[in-house]
Amino acid sequence: MTECGSGVSETHATYVFAVCRTEGNPDVDGLTGVAQGEPVRCLRVGSLTAVVQTVRGADFSDEAWQQRLTDEAELERYARAHHEVVSAVAARWPTVPLPLATLYKGDERAAFALAGESARFRAALRRIAHHAEWGIKVYAPVSRSAGDGVPEERTAVAAGRVAPAPGAGRAYLERKRSLQSRREQRQTDSLRLADAVDADVSRLATESRRLRPHGNGAVDDQSVQVLNATYLVAANRAAELDLLVAGLRKRTGAHIEVSGPWVPYSFVGEV
C-alpha cells in the first residue's frame, strides 16, 4: 500500500496516519504529526475519512528511513508523533491505524489506493467500533529449591575430595530424576496458569491474541513471564475486566500486569 522510496524523494508526499468512519471531519486541529509546519488534515475516501499530512518525500526516502532506523531516539520520536495523531482521532471515532511511514505520491494517489481497500477498512471498523485493546502479562515465580543444581555430595566426589559412599550413584540419579520431575511440574503449572487466565479473559473479550512471552519478569529475576496476550474488549466491559483481573490475582497468587486501553492495533488486520 505504501509508495515510500526513491520515487518520492524529490517531491512532497501524502503521509496517512489512519482511516476512520465519521459523521463529519474529525477534529485534528492542533496535532503536530510527523512534519513541522504542515497541518494534519482530513482526506475524504468515499464514505470514509483518511487523516493525512503533507511531508517532504526526501524525509521518507528508502535511504533516509534506513538511517532513521539506526537512530533509536529519532525513530521513537516519529513513532510517538504517529501514535499521537492516531490516538486523538480514535478517542472520538472508530479508527483503523495505518503502519508507520505509510506514504503516497499526493492526495489523489492516496485516495485512490485507500478506496481500493475500503471493504477491508469497513470490516475492520465494524469489528473494533466501541472497543479498545488491553494487554495482559502473567508472571509465575521461579521456584528454586535446595535440591536444584548438582548435589553437594556428588560435586565433592567428582573433585576427588571424598570417596563415594555405597549406593551414592543410585541416590544421585534418583535426586536428578526428582529435580527433573519438579522442573517439569513447575512448567506444567505455569502453562496451566497461563491457559486459565487466558481462558477467563477471552470469555469476556470479543477477540484475543496470544503473543510470545518475553522471558524473565519485569519485577525481578525471580519470576518468568508465562502469558503475553492482548484482548479486544468492548468499552462498556472495561470495569468487568478490572474485577476479573483482581479476582484472578487473588485466586492464583500470580503477578498479573494490565496495560491499556489502547487503540486496537492488533485487531484491524493487515492494512
Protein backbone atom coordinates (compact mmCIF):
# COMPACT_ATOMS: atom_id res chain seq x y z
CA MET A 1 0.00 0.00 0.00
CA THR A 2 2.90 2.35 0.73
CA GLU A 3 4.65 4.21 -2.10
CA CYS A 4 7.65 5.14 0.01
CA GLY A 5 11.03 5.17 -1.74
CA SER A 6 13.16 6.97 -4.30
CA GLY A 7 10.09 7.89 -6.35
CA VAL A 8 9.03 10.48 -3.76
CA SER A 9 12.47 11.74 -2.75
CA GLU A 10 12.27 14.93 -4.82
CA THR A 11 8.63 15.82 -4.16
CA HIS A 12 6.07 16.23 -1.45
CA ALA A 13 4.13 13.16 -0.39
CA THR A 14 0.93 12.40 1.49
CA TYR A 15 1.52 10.67 4.82
CA VAL A 16 -1.50 8.67 6.03
CA PHE A 17 -1.97 8.08 9.76
CA ALA A 18 -5.31 6.33 9.85
CA VAL A 19 -8.68 5.76 8.24
CA CYS A 20 -11.81 6.36 10.26
CA ARG A 21 -15.58 6.36 9.97
CA THR A 22 -17.13 9.67 10.95
CA GLU A 23 -20.30 11.67 10.54
CA GLY A 24 -18.12 14.64 9.63
CA ASN A 25 -14.47 15.58 9.67
CA PRO A 26 -12.76 14.61 12.92
CA ASP A 27 -11.15 17.40 14.92
CA VAL A 28 -7.44 17.27 14.10
CA ASP A 29 -6.61 20.90 14.82
CA GLY A 30 -3.51 21.36 16.93
CA LEU A 31 -1.95 17.99 16.12
CA THR A 32 1.69 18.25 15.08
CA GLY A 33 2.04 14.98 13.22
CA VAL A 34 5.42 13.96 11.82
CA ALA A 35 6.23 17.16 9.90
CA GLN A 36 6.73 20.58 11.43
CA GLY A 37 4.83 23.41 9.77
CA GLU A 38 2.33 21.26 7.87
CA PRO A 39 -1.18 20.77 9.28
CA VAL A 40 -2.68 17.38 9.99
CA ARG A 41 -5.86 17.30 7.90
CA CYS A 42 -8.66 15.11 6.57
CA LEU A 43 -8.93 13.49 3.15
CA ARG A 44 -12.26 12.07 2.05
CA VAL A 45 -12.17 8.50 0.74
CA GLY A 46 -15.74 7.81 -0.31
CA SER A 47 -17.74 7.45 2.90
CA LEU A 48 -14.55 7.14 4.95
CA THR A 49 -12.03 9.71 6.12
CA ALA A 50 -8.25 9.43 5.98
CA VAL A 51 -6.19 11.51 8.39
CA VAL A 52 -3.14 12.76 6.49
CA GLN A 53 -0.30 15.25 6.40
CA THR A 54 1.86 16.59 3.59
CA VAL A 55 5.53 15.75 4.13
CA ARG A 56 8.76 16.13 2.20
CA GLY A 57 9.30 12.98 0.22
CA ALA A 58 13.04 13.22 0.77
CA ASP A 59 12.49 12.76 4.50
CA PHE A 60 10.97 9.35 3.81
CA SER A 61 13.11 8.00 1.02
CA ASP A 62 14.47 4.49 1.46
CA GLU A 63 17.89 5.89 2.35
CA ALA A 64 16.52 8.41 4.86
CA TRP A 65 14.31 5.82 6.51
CA GLN A 66 17.12 3.26 6.78
CA GLN A 67 19.24 5.87 8.53
CA ARG A 68 16.36 6.67 10.87
CA LEU A 69 16.02 3.01 11.79
CA THR A 70 19.54 3.14 13.25
CA ASP A 71 18.71 6.16 15.44
CA GLU A 72 16.56 4.90 18.29
CA ALA A 73 15.68 8.34 19.63
CA GLU A 74 14.68 9.67 16.21
CA LEU A 75 12.64 6.56 15.41
CA GLU A 76 10.84 6.85 18.74
CA ARG A 77 10.03 10.49 18.02
CA TYR A 78 8.36 9.55 14.75
CA ALA A 79 6.51 6.63 16.34
CA ARG A 80 5.20 8.85 19.15
CA ALA A 81 4.10 11.54 16.72
CA HIS A 82 2.29 8.95 14.59
CA HIS A 83 0.60 7.40 17.64
CA GLU A 84 -0.44 10.80 18.99
CA VAL A 85 -2.47 11.51 15.86
CA VAL A 86 -3.99 8.04 15.75
CA SER A 87 -4.95 8.18 19.45
CA ALA A 88 -6.52 11.62 19.15
CA VAL A 89 -8.75 10.51 16.29
CA ALA A 90 -9.55 7.13 17.83
CA ALA A 91 -10.74 8.85 21.01
CA ARG A 92 -13.75 10.12 19.04
CA TRP A 93 -14.29 7.78 16.10
CA PRO A 94 -13.78 4.12 15.16
CA THR A 95 -10.29 4.24 13.65
CA VAL A 96 -8.03 1.89 11.73
CA PRO A 97 -4.40 2.92 12.33
CA LEU A 98 -2.03 2.54 9.40
CA PRO A 99 1.60 1.46 9.80
CA LEU A 100 4.32 4.00 10.50
CA ALA A 101 5.53 5.77 7.34
CA THR A 102 2.60 4.98 5.03
CA LEU A 103 3.07 7.40 2.12
CA TYR A 104 1.64 8.12 -1.32
CA LYS A 105 2.63 10.45 -4.13
CA GLY A 106 -0.03 13.03 -3.37
CA ASP A 107 -3.64 13.12 -2.17
CA GLU A 108 -5.10 11.77 -5.38
CA ARG A 109 -2.94 8.64 -5.32
CA ALA A 110 -3.65 8.19 -1.61
CA ALA A 111 -7.41 8.47 -2.03
CA PHE A 112 -7.37 6.06 -4.98
CA ALA A 113 -5.31 3.42 -3.16
CA LEU A 114 -7.27 3.67 0.08
CA ALA A 115 -10.59 3.48 -1.76
CA GLY A 116 -9.45 0.18 -3.25
CA GLU A 117 -9.18 -1.20 0.30
CA SER A 118 -12.43 0.33 1.54
CA ALA A 119 -14.17 -3.04 2.05
CA ARG A 120 -11.38 -4.19 4.36
CA PHE A 121 -11.41 -0.89 6.22
CA ARG A 122 -15.16 -1.08 6.77
CA ALA A 123 -14.91 -4.66 8.05
CA ALA A 124 -12.17 -3.66 10.49
CA LEU A 125 -14.11 -0.60 11.62
CA ARG A 126 -17.19 -2.70 12.34
CA ARG A 127 -15.08 -5.13 14.36
CA ILE A 128 -13.35 -2.56 16.55
CA ALA A 129 -16.13 0.03 16.96
CA HIS A 130 -16.62 0.86 20.67
CA HIS A 131 -13.76 -1.45 21.63
CA ALA A 132 -10.25 -0.97 22.99
CA GLU A 133 -7.18 -3.15 23.16
CA TRP A 134 -5.86 -4.33 26.53
CA GLY A 135 -2.60 -6.13 27.18
CA ILE A 136 -2.20 -8.73 29.91
CA LYS A 137 1.07 -10.27 31.10
CA VAL A 138 1.23 -13.01 33.70
CA TYR A 139 4.34 -13.92 35.68
CA ALA A 140 4.94 -17.09 37.66
CA PRO A 141 7.58 -17.38 40.40
CA VAL A 142 10.77 -19.24 39.61
CA SER A 143 10.90 -21.75 42.44
CA ARG A 144 14.42 -22.78 43.35
CA SER A 145 14.59 -25.49 45.97
CA ALA A 146 17.63 -26.67 47.85
CA GLY A 147 17.77 -29.68 45.55
CA ASP A 148 18.26 -27.62 42.42
CA GLY A 149 21.67 -27.88 40.84
CA VAL A 150 24.33 -30.53 41.31
CA PRO A 151 24.13 -32.19 44.75
CA GLU A 152 26.98 -31.20 47.04
CA GLU A 153 27.96 -34.79 47.72
CA ARG A 154 28.31 -35.58 44.01
CA THR A 155 30.38 -32.43 43.47
CA ALA A 156 32.78 -33.41 46.21
CA VAL A 157 33.16 -36.92 44.77
CA ALA A 158 33.86 -35.50 41.31
CA ALA A 159 36.54 -33.26 42.81
CA GLY A 160 38.20 -36.28 44.36
CA ARG A 161 37.89 -34.98 47.91
CA VAL A 162 35.87 -37.92 49.29
CA ALA A 163 35.27 -41.49 48.34
CA PRO A 164 31.79 -42.36 47.06
CA ALA A 165 29.56 -43.96 49.67
CA PRO A 166 27.89 -47.29 48.86
CA GLY A 167 24.84 -46.62 46.72
CA ALA A 168 25.84 -42.99 46.10
CA GLY A 169 25.47 -43.32 42.35
CA ARG A 170 21.93 -44.64 42.61
CA ALA A 171 20.99 -41.91 45.10
CA TYR A 172 22.47 -39.27 42.81
CA LEU A 173 20.40 -40.48 39.83
CA GLU A 174 17.27 -40.53 41.96
CA ARG A 175 17.89 -36.93 43.05
CA LYS A 176 18.47 -35.92 39.43
CA ARG A 177 15.21 -37.58 38.40
CA SER A 178 13.41 -35.86 41.27
CA LEU A 179 14.86 -32.50 40.24
CA GLN A 180 13.78 -33.02 36.63
CA SER A 181 10.32 -34.04 37.79
CA ARG A 182 9.97 -30.86 39.87
CA ARG A 183 11.06 -28.74 36.95
CA GLU A 184 8.56 -30.40 34.65
CA GLN A 185 5.83 -29.94 37.24
CA ARG A 186 6.65 -26.23 37.57
CA GLN A 187 6.49 -25.87 33.79
CA THR A 188 3.16 -27.70 33.68
CA ASP A 189 1.78 -25.50 36.48
CA SER A 190 2.94 -22.36 34.64
CA LEU A 191 1.25 -23.46 31.40
CA ARG A 192 -1.95 -24.22 33.28
CA LEU A 193 -1.82 -20.79 34.93
CA ALA A 194 -1.38 -19.07 31.56
CA ASP A 195 -4.19 -21.08 29.98
CA ALA A 196 -6.54 -20.43 32.91
CA VAL A 197 -6.01 -16.65 32.85
CA ASP A 198 -6.26 -16.51 29.06
CA ALA A 199 -9.47 -18.59 29.04
CA ASP A 200 -11.19 -16.36 31.62
CA VAL A 201 -10.23 -13.10 29.92
CA SER A 202 -11.03 -14.47 26.46
CA ARG A 203 -14.59 -15.22 27.57
CA LEU A 204 -15.03 -11.54 28.38
CA ALA A 205 -13.20 -10.24 25.30
CA THR A 206 -14.52 -10.05 21.76
CA GLU A 207 -11.21 -11.28 20.33
CA SER A 208 -7.82 -12.23 21.71
CA ARG A 209 -4.26 -12.89 20.58
CA ARG A 210 -1.53 -14.71 22.45
CA LEU A 211 1.98 -13.44 21.82
CA ARG A 212 5.37 -14.91 22.56
CA PRO A 213 6.32 -14.49 26.25
CA HIS A 214 9.32 -12.26 26.88
CA GLY A 215 11.16 -14.42 29.39
CA ASN A 216 12.05 -13.14 32.86
CA GLY A 217 9.63 -10.96 34.75
CA ALA A 218 9.63 -7.20 34.80
CA VAL A 219 9.85 -7.02 38.59
CA ASP A 220 12.92 -9.16 39.24
CA ASP A 221 14.68 -12.30 38.10
CA GLN A 222 12.61 -14.41 40.47
CA SER A 223 9.69 -14.61 38.06
CA VAL A 224 9.13 -15.73 34.49
CA GLN A 225 6.56 -14.45 32.03
CA VAL A 226 4.13 -17.23 31.18
CA LEU A 227 1.44 -15.25 29.34
CA ASN A 228 1.75 -12.29 27.00
CA ALA A 229 -1.61 -11.63 25.37
CA THR A 230 -3.75 -8.84 24.01
CA TYR A 231 -7.53 -8.60 24.06
CA LEU A 232 -10.19 -6.65 22.20
CA VAL A 233 -12.67 -5.60 24.88
CA ALA A 234 -15.90 -3.65 24.49
CA ALA A 235 -15.69 -0.22 26.11
CA ASN A 236 -18.67 -0.95 28.36
CA ARG A 237 -16.92 -4.03 29.78
CA ALA A 238 -13.73 -2.33 30.97
CA ALA A 239 -14.91 -2.34 34.59
CA GLU A 240 -15.66 -6.06 34.31
CA LEU A 241 -12.11 -6.62 33.12
CA ASP A 242 -10.75 -4.84 36.19
CA LEU A 243 -12.84 -7.00 38.51
CA LEU A 244 -11.90 -10.17 36.64
CA VAL A 245 -8.17 -9.47 36.86
CA ALA A 246 -8.44 -8.62 40.56
CA GLY A 247 -10.16 -11.95 41.13
CA LEU A 248 -7.54 -13.82 39.13
CA ARG A 249 -4.74 -12.24 41.14
CA LYS A 250 -6.41 -13.30 44.37
CA ARG A 251 -7.25 -16.81 43.19
CA THR A 252 -3.94 -17.66 41.53
CA GLY A 253 -1.49 -15.56 43.52
CA ALA A 254 0.20 -14.67 40.25
CA HIS A 255 1.66 -11.30 39.33
CA ILE A 256 -0.62 -10.01 36.55
CA GLU A 257 0.11 -6.78 34.66
CA VAL A 258 -2.61 -4.97 32.72
CA SER A 259 -1.97 -2.21 30.17
CA GLY A 260 -4.46 -0.16 28.20
CA PRO A 261 -6.84 0.89 26.95
CA TRP A 262 -5.07 1.22 23.62
CA VAL A 263 -6.10 1.85 20.04
CA PRO A 264 -6.78 -1.72 18.79
CA TYR A 265 -3.72 -2.01 16.53
CA SER A 266 -3.64 -5.79 16.92
CA PHE A 267 -7.19 -6.36 15.69
CA VAL A 268 -7.51 -4.34 12.48
CA GLY A 269 -5.90 -6.99 10.26
CA GLU A 270 -3.38 -6.31 7.51
CA VAL A 271 -3.80 -2.74 6.27
